[in-house]
Amino acid sequence: MDAFEIAQLMAGRPTQRPLKMRFGTVTALDSDTTLSVRPDGQEETVPVVRCCHPNVRDRVALLVNETEWLAISVVGGDRPTEGYAPTNHKHAATDITSGTLPVARGGTGVTTKEAIGLLAYPVGAVYISYVSTSPASLFGGTWTAITGRFPYFNAGTATGGSNSVAIDFNHTHAMNLVFNSSYIYDSGLKYTNGESVPQPCIATNDSAWTDIGSPAIGSKKTLGNKSWNNMPAYQTLYAWRRTA
């Protein structure tokens, strides 16, 4: 309250019920409309209607009638304006009831919660969720789902890679196996009872040689293309990129 308003308030009171002026110390800022004040000379605090802007422990001037206390002024002046709106800071009622603040008054001009959410995802931004609900249904805008890809953080929006790799002939190696016919020969060396080394004898004809033939080779294996899993451990998520 300013001095003129205080004078009007006091002048309008009947003479049989005059207002009294007291002083006290603010102990708590209870709400936007009330304070707790300990009047000088009292131990108890009293609820006071705030008509000024004090801080806790500020000294205030009080007007008192039979049932009501008014804190009309801060001794030494109101609290600093830093952190508080100036007295000429005003809004139309629609600024409060519509849920939006016009751009001209420092707001965004956005009128819906969906549009407010969309501000966090400009064109080119990516929305990721464990839920399959498209961000288009949450915020609007145009979105493209990202599927079947791992993120590769780099410049641009290129795609590439594969979940598996095919092994082709460029990855194989040739083998050449040669098997020759083999023979065993009976040398004619004999052991006799009680001897630790064989006794020599002389083969008299070629019949001592025995042809064991060429070893048989089973069916051959033809090498061809073969894919193998290239997938690391993963966690599936839903992702969309905003395009408009």
C-alpha atoms as a PDB file:
ATOM      1  CA  MET A   1       0.000   0.000   0.000  1.00  0.00           C
ATOM      2  CA  ASP A   2       1.192   3.510  -0.688  1.00  0.00           C
ATOM      3  CA  ALA A   3       0.774   6.483   1.656  1.00  0.00           C
ATOM      4  CA  PHE A   4      -2.402   7.685  -0.068  1.00  0.00           C
ATOM      5  CA  GLU A   5      -4.091   4.296   0.261  1.00  0.00           C
ATOM      6  CA  ILE A   6      -3.106   4.101   3.924  1.00  0.00           C
ATOM      7  CA  ALA A   7      -4.532   7.568   4.540  1.00  0.00           C
ATOM      8  CA  GLN A   8      -7.794   6.614   2.820  1.00  0.00           C
ATOM      9  CA  LEU A   9      -8.061   3.456   4.901  1.00  0.00           C
ATOM     10  CA  MET A  10      -7.517   5.280   8.174  1.00  0.00           C
ATOM     11  CA  ALA A  11      -9.791   8.191   7.279  1.00  0.00           C
ATOM     12  CA  GLY A  12     -12.663   5.882   6.437  1.00  0.00           C
ATOM     13  CA  ARG A  13     -12.790   4.293   9.855  1.00  0.00           C
ATOM     14  CA  PRO A  14     -15.488   5.317  12.385  1.00  0.00           C
ATOM     15  CA  THR A  15     -14.113   7.329  15.278  1.00  0.00           C
ATOM     16  CA  GLN A  16     -15.441   4.814  17.777  1.00  0.00           C
ATOM     17  CA  ARG A  17     -13.358   2.047  16.178  1.00  0.00           C
ATOM     18  CA  PRO A  18     -10.115   3.669  15.106  1.00  0.00           C
ATOM     19  CA  LEU A  19      -7.249   1.742  13.538  1.00  0.00           C
ATOM     20  CA  LYS A  20      -4.098   1.319  15.557  1.00  0.00           C
ATOM     21  CA  MET A  21      -0.593   1.275  14.144  1.00  0.00           C
ATOM     22  CA  ARG A  22       1.914  -1.290  15.379  1.00  0.00           C
ATOM     23  CA  PHE A  23       5.295  -2.580  14.276  1.00  0.00           C
ATOM     24  CA  GLY A  24       6.558  -6.121  14.139  1.00  0.00           C
ATOM     25  CA  THR A  25       8.999  -8.593  12.561  1.00  0.00           C
ATOM     26  CA  VAL A  26       8.074 -11.015   9.772  1.00  0.00           C
ATOM     27  CA  THR A  27       8.668 -14.637  10.820  1.00  0.00           C
ATOM     28  CA  ALA A  28       7.237 -16.474   7.790  1.00  0.00           C
ATOM     29  CA  LEU A  29       5.837 -15.844   4.318  1.00  0.00           C
ATOM     30  CA  ASP A  30       2.784 -18.059   4.602  1.00  0.00           C
ATOM     31  CA  SER A  31       1.243 -17.427   1.176  1.00  0.00           C
ATOM     32  CA  ASP A  32       0.811 -14.795  -1.485  1.00  0.00           C
ATOM     33  CA  THR A  33      -1.736 -13.057   0.737  1.00  0.00           C
ATOM     34  CA  THR A  34      -0.682 -13.719   4.337  1.00  0.00           C
ATOM     35  CA  LEU A  35       2.341 -13.402   6.613  1.00  0.00           C
ATOM     36  CA  SER A  36       3.243 -14.459  10.112  1.00  0.00           C
ATOM     37  CA  VAL A  37       4.442 -11.470  12.142  1.00  0.00           C
ATOM     38  CA  ARG A  38       5.640 -11.157  15.727  1.00  0.00           C
ATOM     39  CA  PRO A  39       4.407  -7.721  16.932  1.00  0.00           C
ATOM     40  CA  ASP A  40       6.798  -5.751  19.100  1.00  0.00           C
ATOM     41  CA  GLY A  41       6.311  -6.597  22.772  1.00  0.00           C
ATOM     42  CA  GLN A  42       4.661  -9.978  22.056  1.00  0.00           C
ATOM     43  CA  GLU A  43       5.994 -13.540  22.049  1.00  0.00           C
ATOM     44  CA  GLU A  44       3.273 -14.983  19.842  1.00  0.00           C
ATOM     45  CA  THR A  45       3.047 -14.467  16.116  1.00  0.00           C
ATOM     46  CA  VAL A  46      -0.164 -13.308  14.461  1.00  0.00           C
ATOM     47  CA  PRO A  47      -1.504 -13.901  10.937  1.00  0.00           C
ATOM     48  CA  VAL A  48      -1.296 -10.720   8.921  1.00  0.00           C
ATOM     49  CA  VAL A  49      -2.777  -9.751   5.562  1.00  0.00           C
ATOM     50  CA  ARG A  50       0.123  -8.715   3.339  1.00  0.00           C
ATOM     51  CA  CYS A  51      -0.247  -5.381   1.599  1.00  0.00           C
ATOM     52  CA  CYS A  52       3.498  -5.090   0.905  1.00  0.00           C
ATOM     53  CA  HIS A  53       6.391  -7.320  -0.129  1.00  0.00           C
ATOM     54  CA  PRO A  54       8.645  -8.121   2.833  1.00  0.00           C
ATOM     55  CA  ASN A  55      11.211 -10.831   3.387  1.00  0.00           C
ATOM     56  CA  VAL A  56      11.486 -12.962   6.513  1.00  0.00           C
ATOM     57  CA  ARG A  57      13.009 -10.925   9.393  1.00  0.00           C
ATOM     58  CA  ASP A  58      11.958  -7.618   7.794  1.00  0.00           C
ATOM     59  CA  ARG A  59      10.361  -5.001  10.025  1.00  0.00           C
ATOM     60  CA  VAL A  60       6.856  -4.034   8.925  1.00  0.00           C
ATOM     61  CA  ALA A  61       4.301  -1.390   9.867  1.00  0.00           C
ATOM     62  CA  LEU A  62       0.945  -2.862  10.877  1.00  0.00           C
ATOM     63  CA  LEU A  63      -2.588  -1.489  10.950  1.00  0.00           C
ATOM     64  CA  VAL A  64      -4.800  -3.252  13.476  1.00  0.00           C
ATOM     65  CA  ASN A  65      -8.544  -3.253  14.020  1.00  0.00           C
ATOM     66  CA  GLU A  66     -10.600  -5.479  16.256  1.00  0.00           C
ATOM     67  CA  THR A  67     -10.195  -8.635  14.149  1.00  0.00           C
ATOM     68  CA  GLU A  68      -7.613  -8.042  11.447  1.00  0.00           C
ATOM     69  CA  TRP A  69      -3.959  -7.135  11.059  1.00  0.00           C
ATOM     70  CA  LEU A  70      -2.628  -5.529   7.887  1.00  0.00           C
ATOM     71  CA  ALA A  71       1.075  -5.353   6.985  1.00  0.00           C
ATOM     72  CA  ILE A  72       0.991  -2.064   5.117  1.00  0.00           C
ATOM     73  CA  SER A  73       4.656  -1.232   4.634  1.00  0.00           C
ATOM     74  CA  VAL A  74       8.166  -2.578   5.027  1.00  0.00           C
ATOM     75  CA  VAL A  75      10.335  -0.436   7.255  1.00  0.00           C
ATOM     76  CA  GLY A  76      13.177   0.713   5.032  1.00  0.00           C
ATOM     77  CA  GLY A  77      11.340  -0.188   1.828  1.00  0.00           C
ATOM     78  CA  ASP A  78      10.051  -3.285   0.093  1.00  0.00           C
ATOM     79  CA  ARG A  79      12.301  -6.219  -0.715  1.00  0.00           C
ATOM     80  CA  PRO A  80      14.570  -5.966  -3.789  1.00  0.00           C
ATOM     81  CA  THR A  81      12.833  -6.424  -7.126  1.00  0.00           C
ATOM     82  CA  GLU A  82      15.449  -8.898  -8.398  1.00  0.00           C
ATOM     83  CA  GLY A  83      13.742 -12.224  -8.926  1.00  0.00           C
ATOM     84  CA  TYR A  84      10.272 -10.663  -8.780  1.00  0.00           C
ATOM     85  CA  ALA A  85       8.073  -9.148 -11.440  1.00  0.00           C
ATOM     86  CA  PRO A  86       8.048  -5.339 -11.505  1.00  0.00           C
ATOM     87  CA  THR A  87       4.856  -3.585 -10.498  1.00  0.00           C
ATOM     88  CA  ASN A  88       4.046  -2.737 -14.124  1.00  0.00           C
ATOM     89  CA  HIS A  89       4.286  -6.401 -15.154  1.00  0.00           C
ATOM     90  CA  LYS A  90       0.746  -7.381 -16.049  1.00  0.00           C
ATOM     91  CA  HIS A  91      -1.038 -10.089 -18.025  1.00  0.00           C
ATOM     92  CA  ALA A  92      -4.463 -10.472 -19.487  1.00  0.00           C
ATOM     93  CA  ALA A  93      -6.668 -13.106 -17.905  1.00  0.00           C
ATOM     94  CA  THR A  94      -6.496 -15.152 -21.122  1.00  0.00           C
ATOM     95  CA  ASP A  95      -2.734 -15.504 -20.659  1.00  0.00           C
ATOM     96  CA  ILE A  96      -3.492 -17.540 -17.558  1.00  0.00           C
ATOM     97  CA  THR A  97      -6.620 -19.422 -18.582  1.00  0.00           C
ATOM     98  CA  SER A  98      -5.488 -20.405 -22.099  1.00  0.00           C
ATOM     99  CA  GLY A  99      -2.291 -22.070 -20.934  1.00  0.00           C
ATOM    100  CA  THR A 100      -0.162 -20.134 -23.419  1.00  0.00           C
ATOM    101  CA  LEU A 101       1.916 -16.973 -23.319  1.00  0.00           C
ATOM    102  CA  PRO A 102       2.010 -14.792 -26.446  1.00  0.00           C
ATOM    103  CA  VAL A 103       5.315 -14.267 -28.227  1.00  0.00           C
ATOM    104  CA  ALA A 104       4.936 -10.512 -27.707  1.00  0.00           C
ATOM    105  CA  ARG A 105       5.124 -11.126 -23.954  1.00  0.00           C
ATOM    106  CA  GLY A 106       8.111 -13.434 -24.029  1.00  0.00           C
ATOM    107  CA  GLY A 107       6.238 -16.690 -24.541  1.00  0.00           C
ATOM    108  CA  THR A 108       6.200 -19.262 -27.321  1.00  0.00           C
ATOM    109  CA  GLY A 109       2.696 -18.677 -28.602  1.00  0.00           C
ATOM    110  CA  VAL A 110       2.126 -22.429 -28.519  1.00  0.00           C
ATOM    111  CA  THR A 111      -1.427 -23.296 -27.575  1.00  0.00           C
ATOM    112  CA  THR A 112      -1.403 -27.079 -27.011  1.00  0.00           C
ATOM    113  CA  LYS A 113       0.685 -29.482 -24.973  1.00  0.00           C
ATOM    114  CA  GLU A 114       1.326 -31.501 -28.140  1.00  0.00           C
ATOM    115  CA  ALA A 115       2.844 -28.494 -29.878  1.00  0.00           C
ATOM    116  CA  ILE A 116       4.915 -27.721 -26.804  1.00  0.00           C
ATOM    117  CA  GLY A 117       6.309 -31.270 -26.915  1.00  0.00           C
ATOM    118  CA  LEU A 118       7.078 -30.896 -30.626  1.00  0.00           C
ATOM    119  CA  LEU A 119       9.323 -27.918 -29.873  1.00  0.00           C
ATOM    120  CA  ALA A 120      11.779 -30.357 -28.287  1.00  0.00           C
ATOM    121  CA  TYR A 121      12.054 -32.305 -31.575  1.00  0.00           C
ATOM    122  CA  PRO A 122      12.863 -29.983 -34.495  1.00  0.00           C
ATOM    123  CA  VAL A 123      13.123 -31.353 -38.035  1.00  0.00           C
ATOM    124  CA  GLY A 124      16.013 -33.836 -38.115  1.00  0.00           C
ATOM    125  CA  ALA A 125      15.698 -34.825 -34.450  1.00  0.00           C
ATOM    126  CA  VAL A 126      15.350 -38.489 -33.444  1.00  0.00           C
ATOM    127  CA  TYR A 127      12.721 -39.770 -30.999  1.00  0.00           C
ATOM    128  CA  ILE A 128      13.557 -43.069 -29.235  1.00  0.00           C
ATOM    129  CA  SER A 129      11.222 -45.070 -26.998  1.00  0.00           C
ATOM    130  CA  TYR A 130      10.535 -48.536 -25.604  1.00  0.00           C
ATOM    131  CA  VAL A 131       6.901 -47.954 -26.642  1.00  0.00           C
ATOM    132  CA  SER A 132       5.727 -48.427 -30.231  1.00  0.00           C
ATOM    133  CA  THR A 133       3.506 -45.330 -30.209  1.00  0.00           C
ATOM    134  CA  SER A 134       4.546 -43.038 -33.059  1.00  0.00           C
ATOM    135  CA  PRO A 135       5.579 -39.511 -32.035  1.00  0.00           C
ATOM    136  CA  ALA A 136       3.308 -38.247 -34.804  1.00  0.00           C
ATOM    137  CA  SER A 137       0.331 -39.262 -32.669  1.00  0.00           C
ATOM    138  CA  LEU A 138       1.876 -37.653 -29.590  1.00  0.00           C
ATOM    139  CA  PHE A 139       3.154 -34.356 -30.985  1.00  0.00           C
ATOM    140  CA  GLY A 140       2.115 -34.125 -34.631  1.00  0.00           C
ATOM    141  CA  GLY A 141       4.636 -33.485 -37.390  1.00  0.00           C
ATOM    142  CA  THR A 142       5.942 -35.950 -39.978  1.00  0.00           C
ATOM    143  CA  TRP A 143       8.179 -38.814 -38.853  1.00  0.00           C
ATOM    144  CA  THR A 144       9.990 -41.706 -40.543  1.00  0.00           C
ATOM    145  CA  ALA A 145      10.506 -44.941 -38.608  1.00  0.00           C
ATOM    146  CA  ILE A 146      14.093 -46.201 -38.344  1.00  0.00           C
ATOM    147  CA  THR A 147      14.179 -50.009 -38.508  1.00  0.00           C
ATOM    148  CA  GLY A 148      16.759 -52.738 -39.018  1.00  0.00           C
ATOM    149  CA  ARG A 149      19.742 -50.485 -38.288  1.00  0.00           C
ATOM    150  CA  PHE A 150      22.306 -49.893 -35.577  1.00  0.00           C
ATOM    151  CA  PRO A 151      23.252 -46.228 -35.036  1.00  0.00           C
ATOM    152  CA  TYR A 152      26.633 -45.268 -36.455  1.00  0.00           C
ATOM    153  CA  PHE A 153      27.433 -41.781 -35.218  1.00  0.00           C
ATOM    154  CA  ASN A 154      29.009 -39.794 -38.023  1.00  0.00           C
ATOM    155  CA  ALA A 155      28.264 -36.902 -40.350  1.00  0.00           C
ATOM    156  CA  GLY A 156      25.283 -37.283 -42.655  1.00  0.00           C
ATOM    157  CA  THR A 157      22.412 -39.766 -42.740  1.00  0.00           C
ATOM    158  CA  ALA A 158      23.905 -42.632 -44.782  1.00  0.00           C
ATOM    159  CA  THR A 159      23.030 -46.293 -44.210  1.00  0.00           C
ATOM    160  CA  GLY A 160      25.089 -49.446 -44.703  1.00  0.00           C
ATOM    161  CA  GLY A 161      26.257 -52.730 -43.215  1.00  0.00           C
ATOM    162  CA  SER A 162      24.523 -56.082 -42.897  1.00  0.00           C
ATOM    163  CA  ASN A 163      23.347 -58.450 -40.187  1.00  0.00           C
ATOM    164  CA  SER A 164      25.308 -61.308 -41.810  1.00  0.00           C
ATOM    165  CA  VAL A 165      28.353 -61.853 -44.052  1.00  0.00           C
ATOM    166  CA  ALA A 166      28.503 -64.309 -46.998  1.00  0.00           C
ATOM    167  CA  ILE A 167      31.731 -66.308 -47.389  1.00  0.00           C
ATOM    168  CA  ASP A 168      32.318 -66.565 -51.188  1.00  0.00           C
ATOM    169  CA  PHE A 169      35.063 -68.149 -53.286  1.00  0.00           C
ATOM    170  CA  ASN A 170      37.330 -65.171 -52.721  1.00  0.00           C
ATOM    171  CA  HIS A 171      37.514 -66.285 -49.099  1.00  0.00           C
ATOM    172  CA  THR A 172      38.436 -69.975 -49.855  1.00  0.00           C
ATOM    173  CA  HIS A 173      41.768 -71.696 -50.419  1.00  0.00           C
ATOM    174  CA  ALA A 174      42.610 -74.452 -52.944  1.00  0.00           C
ATOM    175  CA  MET A 175      44.124 -77.816 -51.881  1.00  0.00           C
ATOM    176  CA  ASN A 176      45.914 -80.409 -54.067  1.00  0.00           C
ATOM    177  CA  LEU A 177      46.139 -83.892 -52.539  1.00  0.00           C
ATOM    178  CA  VAL A 178      48.446 -86.441 -54.262  1.00  0.00           C
ATOM    179  CA  PHE A 179      48.304 -90.153 -53.388  1.00  0.00           C
ATOM    180  CA  ASN A 180      50.842 -92.604 -54.919  1.00  0.00           C
ATOM    181  CA  SER A 181      50.653 -96.390 -55.161  1.00  0.00           C
ATOM    182  CA  SER A 182      52.536 -98.028 -52.287  1.00  0.00           C
ATOM    183  CA  TYR A 183      54.308-101.323 -51.675  1.00  0.00           C
ATOM    184  CA  ILE A 184      55.541-103.266 -48.698  1.00  0.00           C
ATOM    185  CA  TYR A 185      58.534-105.641 -48.860  1.00  0.00           C
ATOM    186  CA  ASP A 186      59.219-108.750 -46.877  1.00  0.00           C
ATOM    187  CA  SER A 187      62.878-108.333 -45.989  1.00  0.00           C
ATOM    188  CA  GLY A 188      63.162-111.892 -44.817  1.00  0.00           C
ATOM    189  CA  LEU A 189      64.545-110.902 -41.418  1.00  0.00           C
ATOM    190  CA  LYS A 190      63.604-113.522 -38.883  1.00  0.00           C
ATOM    191  CA  TYR A 191      63.699-113.841 -35.108  1.00  0.00           C
ATOM    192  CA  THR A 192      64.640-117.156 -33.605  1.00  0.00           C
ATOM    193  CA  ASN A 193      63.972-118.308 -30.095  1.00  0.00           C
ATOM    194  CA  GLY A 194      66.096-116.555 -27.511  1.00  0.00           C
ATOM    195  CA  GLU A 195      67.635-113.995 -29.884  1.00  0.00           C
ATOM    196  CA  SER A 196      67.265-110.218 -29.416  1.00  0.00           C
ATOM    197  CA  VAL A 197      68.026-109.208 -33.008  1.00  0.00           C
ATOM    198  CA  PRO A 198      66.672-110.577 -36.255  1.00  0.00           C
ATOM    199  CA  GLN A 199      68.773-112.880 -38.391  1.00  0.00           C
ATOM    200  CA  PRO A 200      69.238-111.734 -42.010  1.00  0.00           C
ATOM    201  CA  CYS A 201      68.212-113.711 -44.991  1.00  0.00           C
ATOM    202  CA  ILE A 202      68.281-112.967 -48.718  1.00  0.00           C
ATOM    203  CA  ALA A 203      65.140-112.581 -50.840  1.00  0.00           C
ATOM    204  CA  THR A 204      65.479-114.677 -53.990  1.00  0.00           C
ATOM    205  CA  ASN A 205      62.641-113.169 -56.083  1.00  0.00           C
ATOM    206  CA  ASP A 206      60.361-110.202 -56.469  1.00  0.00           C
ATOM    207  CA  SER A 207      57.450-112.039 -54.938  1.00  0.00           C
ATOM    208  CA  ALA A 208      58.526-110.520 -51.595  1.00  0.00           C
ATOM    209  CA  TRP A 209      57.012-107.217 -52.715  1.00  0.00           C
ATOM    210  CA  THR A 210      53.289-106.784 -52.098  1.00  0.00           C
ATOM    211  CA  ASP A 211      51.260-104.054 -53.814  1.00  0.00           C
ATOM    212  CA  ILE A 212      48.822-102.467 -51.340  1.00  0.00           C
ATOM    213  CA  GLY A 213      47.366-100.304 -54.060  1.00  0.00           C
ATOM    214  CA  SER A 214      46.314 -96.670 -54.012  1.00  0.00           C
ATOM    215  CA  PRO A 215      44.252 -95.669 -50.978  1.00  0.00           C
ATOM    216  CA  ALA A 216      40.615 -94.986 -51.747  1.00  0.00           C
ATOM    217  CA  ILE A 217      39.445 -91.338 -51.587  1.00  0.00           C
ATOM    218  CA  GLY A 218      35.874 -90.667 -50.537  1.00  0.00           C
ATOM    219  CA  SER A 219      33.438 -88.192 -52.073  1.00  0.00           C
ATOM    220  CA  LYS A 220      34.780 -84.679 -52.428  1.00  0.00           C
ATOM    221  CA  LYS A 221      33.274 -81.541 -50.726  1.00  0.00           C
ATOM    222  CA  THR A 222      32.440 -78.649 -53.002  1.00  0.00           C
ATOM    223  CA  LEU A 223      32.975 -75.251 -51.309  1.00  0.00           C
ATOM    224  CA  GLY A 224      30.337 -72.596 -51.849  1.00  0.00           C
ATOM    225  CA  ASN A 225      28.823 -69.397 -50.395  1.00  0.00           C
ATOM    226  CA  LYS A 226      27.897 -69.583 -46.713  1.00  0.00           C
ATOM    227  CA  SER A 227      26.455 -66.839 -44.473  1.00  0.00           C
ATOM    228  CA  TRP A 228      27.284 -66.522 -40.809  1.00  0.00           C
ATOM    229  CA  ASN A 229      25.646 -64.419 -38.086  1.00  0.00           C
ATOM    230  CA  ASN A 230      27.312 -61.046 -37.559  1.00  0.00           C
ATOM    231  CA  MET A 231      24.841 -59.737 -34.938  1.00  0.00           C
ATOM    232  CA  PRO A 232      26.282 -58.449 -31.614  1.00  0.00           C
ATOM    233  CA  ALA A 233      24.293 -58.437 -28.367  1.00  0.00           C
ATOM    234  CA  TYR A 234      21.525 -55.883 -28.760  1.00  0.00           C
ATOM    235  CA  GLN A 235      18.527 -54.147 -27.179  1.00  0.00           C
ATOM    236  CA  THR A 236      15.614 -53.400 -29.483  1.00  0.00           C
ATOM    237  CA  LEU A 237      14.024 -49.951 -29.334  1.00  0.00           C
ATOM    238  CA  TYR A 238      11.616 -47.935 -31.440  1.00  0.00           C
ATOM    239  CA  ALA A 239      13.036 -44.881 -33.213  1.00  0.00           C
ATOM    240  CA  TRP A 240      11.726 -42.219 -35.583  1.00  0.00           C
ATOM    241  CA  ARG A 241      13.364 -39.280 -37.356  1.00  0.00           C
ATOM    242  CA  ARG A 242      11.327 -36.126 -37.806  1.00  0.00           C
ATOM    243  CA  THR A 243      11.225 -35.063 -41.455  1.00  0.00           C
ATOM    244  CA  ALA A 244       8.703 -32.215 -41.386  1.00  0.00           C
END
